[in-house]
Protein backbone atom coordinates (compact mmCIF):
# COMPACT_ATOMS: atom_id res chain seq x y z
CA UNK A 1 29.33 -25.68 -11.04
CA UNK A 2 26.97 -24.38 -13.70
CA UNK A 3 28.16 -21.45 -15.76
CA UNK A 4 26.24 -18.69 -17.49
CA UNK A 5 27.12 -17.94 -21.09
CA UNK A 6 29.02 -14.65 -21.22
CA UNK A 7 28.45 -11.89 -21.65
CA UNK A 8 25.63 -11.71 -19.10
CA UNK A 9 23.22 -9.05 -20.36
CA UNK A 10 21.78 -6.71 -17.73
CA UNK A 11 18.90 -4.26 -17.46
CA UNK A 12 19.15 -1.55 -14.76
CA UNK A 13 15.83 -0.16 -13.47
CA UNK A 14 16.15 2.91 -11.25
CA UNK A 15 14.79 6.44 -11.52
CA UNK A 16 18.07 8.10 -10.50
CA UNK A 17 20.46 8.67 -13.40
CA UNK A 18 23.51 9.15 -11.15
CA UNK A 19 22.84 5.85 -9.37
CA UNK A 20 22.46 3.99 -12.68
CA UNK A 21 25.75 5.50 -13.84
CA UNK A 22 27.45 4.34 -10.64
CA UNK A 23 26.12 0.81 -11.03
CA UNK A 24 27.28 0.70 -14.65
CA UNK A 25 30.75 1.70 -13.50
CA UNK A 26 30.81 -1.18 -10.99
CA UNK A 27 29.48 -3.65 -13.55
CA UNK A 28 32.16 -2.58 -16.03
CA UNK A 29 34.70 -4.25 -13.72
CA UNK A 30 33.43 -7.57 -15.07
CA UNK A 31 34.12 -8.12 -18.76
CA UNK A 32 31.54 -10.90 -18.79
CA UNK A 33 28.77 -8.47 -17.70
CA UNK A 34 27.16 -6.16 -20.25
CA UNK A 35 24.50 -3.51 -19.56
CA UNK A 36 22.17 -3.65 -22.57
CA UNK A 37 19.39 -1.32 -21.38
CA UNK A 38 18.24 1.07 -18.66
CA UNK A 39 14.81 2.15 -17.45
CA UNK A 40 13.63 4.83 -15.02
CA UNK A 41 10.07 3.60 -14.50
CA UNK A 42 8.03 0.38 -14.47
CA UNK A 43 6.49 0.81 -17.92
CA UNK A 44 9.87 1.37 -19.56
CA UNK A 45 11.30 -1.57 -17.63
CA UNK A 46 8.77 -3.93 -19.18
CA UNK A 47 9.29 -2.44 -22.63
CA UNK A 48 13.08 -2.74 -22.41
CA UNK A 49 12.81 -6.29 -21.09
CA UNK A 50 10.65 -7.24 -24.07
CA UNK A 51 13.20 -5.73 -26.44
CA UNK A 52 16.34 -7.23 -24.91
CA UNK A 53 15.28 -10.16 -22.69
CA UNK A 54 18.31 -9.62 -20.44
CA UNK A 55 19.84 -12.41 -18.42
CA UNK A 56 19.58 -10.31 -15.24
CA UNK A 57 17.60 -7.26 -14.17
CA UNK A 58 18.54 -4.99 -11.26
CA UNK A 59 15.32 -3.44 -9.96
CA UNK A 60 14.68 -0.62 -7.48
CA UNK A 61 11.67 -0.95 -5.18
CA UNK A 62 10.27 2.55 -5.69
CA UNK A 63 9.63 3.85 -9.21
CA UNK A 64 7.73 6.96 -10.35
CA UNK A 65 4.79 5.12 -11.91
CA UNK A 66 4.57 1.93 -9.82
CA UNK A 67 6.48 -0.27 -7.41
CA UNK A 68 9.41 -2.37 -8.47
CA UNK A 69 7.54 -5.37 -7.13
CA UNK A 70 4.67 -4.76 -9.55
CA UNK A 71 7.17 -4.32 -12.38
CA UNK A 72 8.77 -7.61 -11.34
CA UNK A 73 5.38 -9.35 -11.40
CA UNK A 74 4.55 -8.03 -14.86
CA UNK A 75 7.91 -9.09 -16.26
CA UNK A 76 7.68 -12.58 -14.80
CA UNK A 77 4.09 -12.95 -15.96
CA UNK A 78 5.32 -12.62 -19.56
CA UNK A 79 8.75 -14.12 -19.00
CA UNK A 80 8.56 -16.74 -16.19
CA UNK A 81 12.28 -17.47 -16.41
CA UNK A 82 13.26 -13.82 -15.90
CA UNK A 83 15.81 -13.28 -13.15
CA UNK A 84 15.32 -10.05 -11.21
CA UNK A 85 17.54 -8.92 -8.36
CA UNK A 86 16.08 -6.19 -6.15
CA UNK A 87 18.53 -3.36 -5.39
CA UNK A 88 16.99 -0.75 -3.12
CA UNK A 89 17.27 1.40 0.00
CA UNK A 90 14.19 -0.19 1.59
CA UNK A 91 15.00 -2.83 4.19
CA UNK A 92 11.53 -3.47 5.65
CA UNK A 93 10.79 -7.15 6.22
CA UNK A 94 7.45 -6.82 4.42
CA UNK A 95 9.15 -5.31 1.34
CA UNK A 96 11.64 -8.17 1.30
CA UNK A 97 8.94 -10.82 1.75
CA UNK A 98 6.74 -9.40 -1.01
CA UNK A 99 9.65 -9.13 -3.45
CA UNK A 100 10.77 -12.71 -2.92
CA UNK A 101 7.18 -13.92 -3.04
CA UNK A 102 6.81 -12.17 -6.42
CA UNK A 103 9.81 -14.10 -7.73
CA UNK A 104 12.89 -11.96 -7.08
CA UNK A 105 16.08 -14.03 -7.13
CA UNK A 106 17.63 -11.88 -4.43
CA UNK A 107 17.35 -8.70 -2.39
CA UNK A 108 20.21 -6.27 -1.90
CA UNK A 109 20.47 -2.86 -0.25
CA UNK A 110 22.09 -0.02 -2.18
CA UNK A 111 24.74 0.19 0.50
CA UNK A 112 26.13 -3.14 -0.73
CA UNK A 113 29.89 -3.03 -1.51
CA UNK A 114 30.77 -3.32 -5.20
CA UNK A 115 32.46 -6.72 -4.93
CA UNK A 116 29.44 -8.19 -3.14
CA UNK A 117 27.11 -6.79 -5.80
CA UNK A 118 29.12 -8.54 -8.50
CA UNK A 119 29.11 -11.73 -6.44
CA UNK A 120 25.35 -11.53 -5.98
CA UNK A 121 24.73 -11.03 -9.69
CA UNK A 122 26.91 -14.01 -10.59
CA UNK A 123 25.21 -16.21 -7.96
CA UNK A 124 21.76 -15.21 -9.22
CA UNK A 125 22.81 -15.82 -12.82
CA UNK A 126 23.81 -19.35 -11.79
CA UNK A 127 20.31 -19.98 -10.48
CA UNK A 128 20.91 -19.29 -6.80
CA UNK A 129 18.86 -16.99 -4.57
CA UNK A 130 21.06 -14.32 -3.01
CA UNK A 131 19.97 -13.17 0.45
CA UNK A 132 22.62 -11.29 2.51
CA UNK A 133 22.69 -12.02 6.28
CA UNK A 134 21.15 -8.65 7.25
CA UNK A 135 18.26 -9.21 4.85
CA UNK A 136 17.76 -12.75 6.15
CA UNK A 137 17.57 -11.37 9.70
CA UNK A 138 14.79 -9.00 8.68
CA UNK A 139 12.87 -11.88 7.14
CA UNK A 140 13.21 -13.88 10.35
CA UNK A 141 11.90 -10.90 12.36
CA UNK A 142 8.75 -10.96 10.24
CA UNK A 143 7.78 -14.28 11.81
CA UNK A 144 7.41 -12.56 15.19
CA UNK A 145 4.50 -10.45 13.95
CA UNK A 146 0.94 -11.52 13.23
CA UNK A 147 -0.13 -11.87 9.60
CA UNK A 148 -2.43 -9.02 8.55
CA UNK A 149 -5.74 -9.68 6.85
CA UNK A 150 -6.62 -7.98 3.56
CA UNK A 151 -9.01 -5.65 5.41
CA UNK A 152 -6.36 -4.72 7.96
CA UNK A 153 -3.96 -3.92 5.13
CA UNK A 154 -6.66 -1.70 3.67
CA UNK A 155 -7.23 0.10 6.97
CA UNK A 156 -3.56 0.60 7.89
CA UNK A 157 -2.68 3.35 5.34
CA UNK A 158 -5.58 5.46 6.64
CA UNK A 159 -4.32 5.07 10.20
CA UNK A 160 -0.88 6.18 9.03
CA UNK A 161 -2.47 9.27 7.45
CA UNK A 162 -3.96 10.14 10.83
CA UNK A 163 -7.64 9.47 10.04
CA UNK A 164 -10.04 8.74 12.90
CA UNK A 165 -12.02 5.52 13.20
CA UNK A 166 -15.09 7.42 12.03
CA UNK A 167 -13.27 8.76 8.96
CA UNK A 168 -11.98 5.28 8.09
CA UNK A 169 -15.45 3.80 8.53
CA UNK A 170 -16.97 6.40 6.20
CA UNK A 171 -14.35 5.83 3.50
CA UNK A 172 -14.45 2.03 3.61
CA UNK A 173 -18.23 1.83 4.10
CA UNK A 174 -18.46 -0.03 7.39
CA UNK A 175 -19.33 0.91 10.96
CA UNK A 176 -17.13 2.88 13.32
CA UNK A 177 -17.19 -0.13 15.67
CA UNK A 178 -15.71 -2.28 12.87
CA UNK A 179 -13.02 0.32 12.17
CA UNK A 180 -12.12 0.40 15.85
CA UNK A 181 -11.88 -3.40 15.92
CA UNK A 182 -9.51 -3.43 12.93
CA UNK A 183 -7.29 -0.77 14.50
CA UNK A 184 -7.22 -2.68 17.78
CA UNK A 185 -6.21 -5.83 15.89
CA UNK A 186 -3.46 -3.93 14.07
CA UNK A 187 -2.08 -2.65 17.36
CA UNK A 188 -1.99 -6.18 18.75
CA UNK A 189 -0.47 -7.85 15.68
CA UNK A 190 2.25 -5.24 15.25
CA UNK A 191 2.99 -5.00 18.96
CA UNK A 192 2.25 -1.27 19.14
CA UNK A 193 1.15 0.53 22.31
CA UNK A 194 -0.71 3.29 20.46
CA UNK A 195 -1.39 4.71 17.01
CA UNK A 196 1.86 6.69 16.94
CA UNK A 197 3.94 3.57 17.54
CA UNK A 198 1.78 1.68 15.05
CA UNK A 199 2.67 4.19 12.34
CA UNK A 200 6.37 3.96 13.17
CA UNK A 201 6.37 0.15 13.03
CA UNK A 202 4.31 0.04 9.82
CA UNK A 203 6.73 2.38 8.03
CA UNK A 204 9.84 0.61 9.36
CA UNK A 205 8.55 -2.78 8.23
CA UNK A 206 7.57 -1.56 4.77
CA UNK A 207 3.87 -2.23 5.29
CA UNK A 208 3.26 1.33 4.11
CA UNK A 209 5.51 3.91 2.45
CA UNK A 210 5.33 7.62 3.13
CA UNK A 211 5.20 9.76 0.01
């Protein structure tokens, strides 16, 4: 089996100081892991990555200035070999899909037990993709839904905000008939009976995030 060269340097990206401190405490259980930097937003994450080029980055999905997925994309655009493990509370299948599509080497929920977190980091450092069973199940559920078009993805947040078809049409500069058609398509693809259920499904799947 391949081995990484210890110590494995790590960057922790999360906007909660207490959570970062907890993760550092868990990581300290491994003498071959070393936290070299921390960041509480996407811009700092990229800056710290440039400075330290860590062997592994633990990245939250939601950051104050951008998403963790966008931070992941920016890092991998400059450093294609960067290994980033998502560590978040968001378990929506769309969040998971987008993170892996952007190049994440794994996706973990913050409820993960400490030993499993250490196992996941080691597996990712050895070049493996770490997907826990519960995360894999969410990915498989995604296949049961229809793929949204770019326009439908543009319309959906306005539906979630409670805007009418007329309001959506005015904002996006098309007819009310077109807005109605997009909403009808969204209902069908997400298997929702009405707008209320559509909002619930969209939030649960990570298609939109409530502020």
